[in-house]
Amino acid sequence: MFSIEHDFDATVITLVDEGDAPLGEDIIVTSFEDCVTIEQLDARTDEVQKVTFSLTQLRDLRAALNLPEGVYRLKPADGG
């Protein structure tokens, strides 16, 4: 299950793990104009862990999810 909310300066997506146990904590993905953050509560420390991706890193991650093992460099969108 997931939810999508549009805030003033960001889009917030919350991913809820509904599968069989053990279940993971909710993941919150927040998309800003210049970056994307991913947050999840660490149940061991009771602290929220946050990772920030630049838009370039996010583009590379998106591509990597659909490629076989290897090292890649994406070409710029303008073809250069």
C-alpha atoms as a PDB file:
ATOM      1  CA  MET A   1       0.000   0.000   0.000  1.00  0.00           C
ATOM      2  CA  PHE A   2       1.170   3.555  -0.564  1.00  0.00           C
ATOM      3  CA  SER A   3      -0.104   7.097  -0.295  1.00  0.00           C
ATOM      4  CA  ILE A   4       0.747  10.234  -2.270  1.00  0.00           C
ATOM      5  CA  GLU A   5       0.407  13.751  -0.868  1.00  0.00           C
ATOM      6  CA  HIS A   6       1.254  17.053  -2.538  1.00  0.00           C
ATOM      7  CA  ASP A   7       2.655  19.614  -0.101  1.00  0.00           C
ATOM      8  CA  PHE A   8       3.555  23.227  -0.883  1.00  0.00           C
ATOM      9  CA  ASP A   9       7.159  22.478  -1.904  1.00  0.00           C
ATOM     10  CA  ALA A  10       7.272  18.678  -2.208  1.00  0.00           C
ATOM     11  CA  THR A  11       5.486  15.488  -3.148  1.00  0.00           C
ATOM     12  CA  VAL A  12       5.452  12.907  -0.334  1.00  0.00           C
ATOM     13  CA  ILE A  13       5.016   9.184  -1.015  1.00  0.00           C
ATOM     14  CA  THR A  14       4.648   6.791   1.922  1.00  0.00           C
ATOM     15  CA  LEU A  15       5.231   3.078   1.293  1.00  0.00           C
ATOM     16  CA  VAL A  16       3.614   0.697   3.782  1.00  0.00           C
ATOM     17  CA  ASP A  17       4.841  -2.907   4.015  1.00  0.00           C
ATOM     18  CA  GLU A  18       1.738  -5.099   4.111  1.00  0.00           C
ATOM     19  CA  GLY A  19       3.364  -8.450   3.303  1.00  0.00           C
ATOM     20  CA  ASP A  20       4.004 -11.413   5.540  1.00  0.00           C
ATOM     21  CA  ALA A  21       6.079 -10.945   8.706  1.00  0.00           C
ATOM     22  CA  PRO A  22       8.682  -9.680   9.312  1.00  0.00           C
ATOM     23  CA  LEU A  23       7.361  -6.348   8.139  1.00  0.00           C
ATOM     24  CA  GLY A  24       9.556  -3.317   7.529  1.00  0.00           C
ATOM     25  CA  GLU A  25       8.896   0.160   8.847  1.00  0.00           C
ATOM     26  CA  ASP A  26       7.141   2.624   6.535  1.00  0.00           C
ATOM     27  CA  ILE A  27       9.362   4.342   3.963  1.00  0.00           C
ATOM     28  CA  ILE A  28       8.753   8.017   3.231  1.00  0.00           C
ATOM     29  CA  VAL A  29       9.958   9.374  -0.117  1.00  0.00           C
ATOM     30  CA  THR A  30       9.905  13.166  -0.427  1.00  0.00           C
ATOM     31  CA  SER A  31      10.513  14.754  -3.818  1.00  0.00           C
ATOM     32  CA  PHE A  32      11.700  18.367  -3.819  1.00  0.00           C
ATOM     33  CA  GLU A  33      12.645  20.582  -6.761  1.00  0.00           C
ATOM     34  CA  ASP A  34      16.366  19.756  -6.447  1.00  0.00           C
ATOM     35  CA  CYS A  35      16.572  16.445  -4.540  1.00  0.00           C
ATOM     36  CA  VAL A  36      14.706  13.406  -3.224  1.00  0.00           C
ATOM     37  CA  THR A  37      14.912  12.146   0.355  1.00  0.00           C
ATOM     38  CA  ILE A  38      14.101   8.667   1.644  1.00  0.00           C
ATOM     39  CA  GLU A  39      13.384   8.197   5.357  1.00  0.00           C
ATOM     40  CA  GLN A  40      12.733   5.133   7.490  1.00  0.00           C
ATOM     41  CA  LEU A  41      12.501   4.588  11.237  1.00  0.00           C
ATOM     42  CA  ASP A  42      15.295   2.355  12.562  1.00  0.00           C
ATOM     43  CA  ALA A  43      13.456   0.301  15.184  1.00  0.00           C
ATOM     44  CA  ARG A  44      16.742  -0.673  16.870  1.00  0.00           C
ATOM     45  CA  THR A  45      17.722   2.922  17.654  1.00  0.00           C
ATOM     46  CA  ASP A  46      14.259   4.552  17.459  1.00  0.00           C
ATOM     47  CA  GLU A  47      15.786   7.174  15.126  1.00  0.00           C
ATOM     48  CA  VAL A  48      14.779   8.101  11.599  1.00  0.00           C
ATOM     49  CA  GLN A  49      17.463   7.377   9.004  1.00  0.00           C
ATOM     50  CA  LYS A  50      17.504   9.728   6.012  1.00  0.00           C
ATOM     51  CA  VAL A  51      19.222   9.466   2.628  1.00  0.00           C
ATOM     52  CA  THR A  52      19.264  12.381   0.159  1.00  0.00           C
ATOM     53  CA  PHE A  53      19.644  11.799  -3.586  1.00  0.00           C
ATOM     54  CA  SER A  54      20.472  14.493  -6.114  1.00  0.00           C
ATOM     55  CA  LEU A  55      18.280  14.321  -9.198  1.00  0.00           C
ATOM     56  CA  THR A  56      21.261  12.908 -11.136  1.00  0.00           C
ATOM     57  CA  GLN A  57      21.736  10.134  -8.567  1.00  0.00           C
ATOM     58  CA  LEU A  58      18.022   9.350  -8.723  1.00  0.00           C
ATOM     59  CA  ARG A  59      18.154   9.162 -12.536  1.00  0.00           C
ATOM     60  CA  ASP A  60      21.101   6.758 -12.288  1.00  0.00           C
ATOM     61  CA  LEU A  61      19.323   4.615  -9.680  1.00  0.00           C
ATOM     62  CA  ARG A  62      16.239   4.409 -11.872  1.00  0.00           C
ATOM     63  CA  ALA A  63      18.341   3.218 -14.812  1.00  0.00           C
ATOM     64  CA  ALA A  64      20.332   0.777 -12.658  1.00  0.00           C
ATOM     65  CA  LEU A  65      17.207  -1.034 -11.496  1.00  0.00           C
ATOM     66  CA  ASN A  66      16.653  -2.225 -15.069  1.00  0.00           C
ATOM     67  CA  LEU A  67      20.223  -3.148 -16.099  1.00  0.00           C
ATOM     68  CA  PRO A  68      22.368  -6.264 -15.636  1.00  0.00           C
ATOM     69  CA  GLU A  69      25.519  -6.292 -13.501  1.00  0.00           C
ATOM     70  CA  GLY A  70      28.232  -3.910 -14.757  1.00  0.00           C
ATOM     71  CA  VAL A  71      29.483  -0.310 -14.690  1.00  0.00           C
ATOM     72  CA  TYR A  72      27.593   2.302 -16.681  1.00  0.00           C
ATOM     73  CA  ARG A  73      27.542   6.026 -17.473  1.00  0.00           C
ATOM     74  CA  LEU A  74      24.339   7.540 -18.827  1.00  0.00           C
ATOM     75  CA  LYS A  75      24.594   9.938 -21.750  1.00  0.00           C
ATOM     76  CA  PRO A  76      23.306  13.479 -21.118  1.00  0.00           C
ATOM     77  CA  ALA A  77      19.726  14.052 -22.301  1.00  0.00           C
ATOM     78  CA  ASP A  78      20.962  16.499 -24.973  1.00  0.00           C
ATOM     79  CA  GLY A  79      22.953  13.680 -26.590  1.00  0.00           C
ATOM     80  CA  GLY A  80      26.356  15.173 -25.741  1.00  0.00           C
END
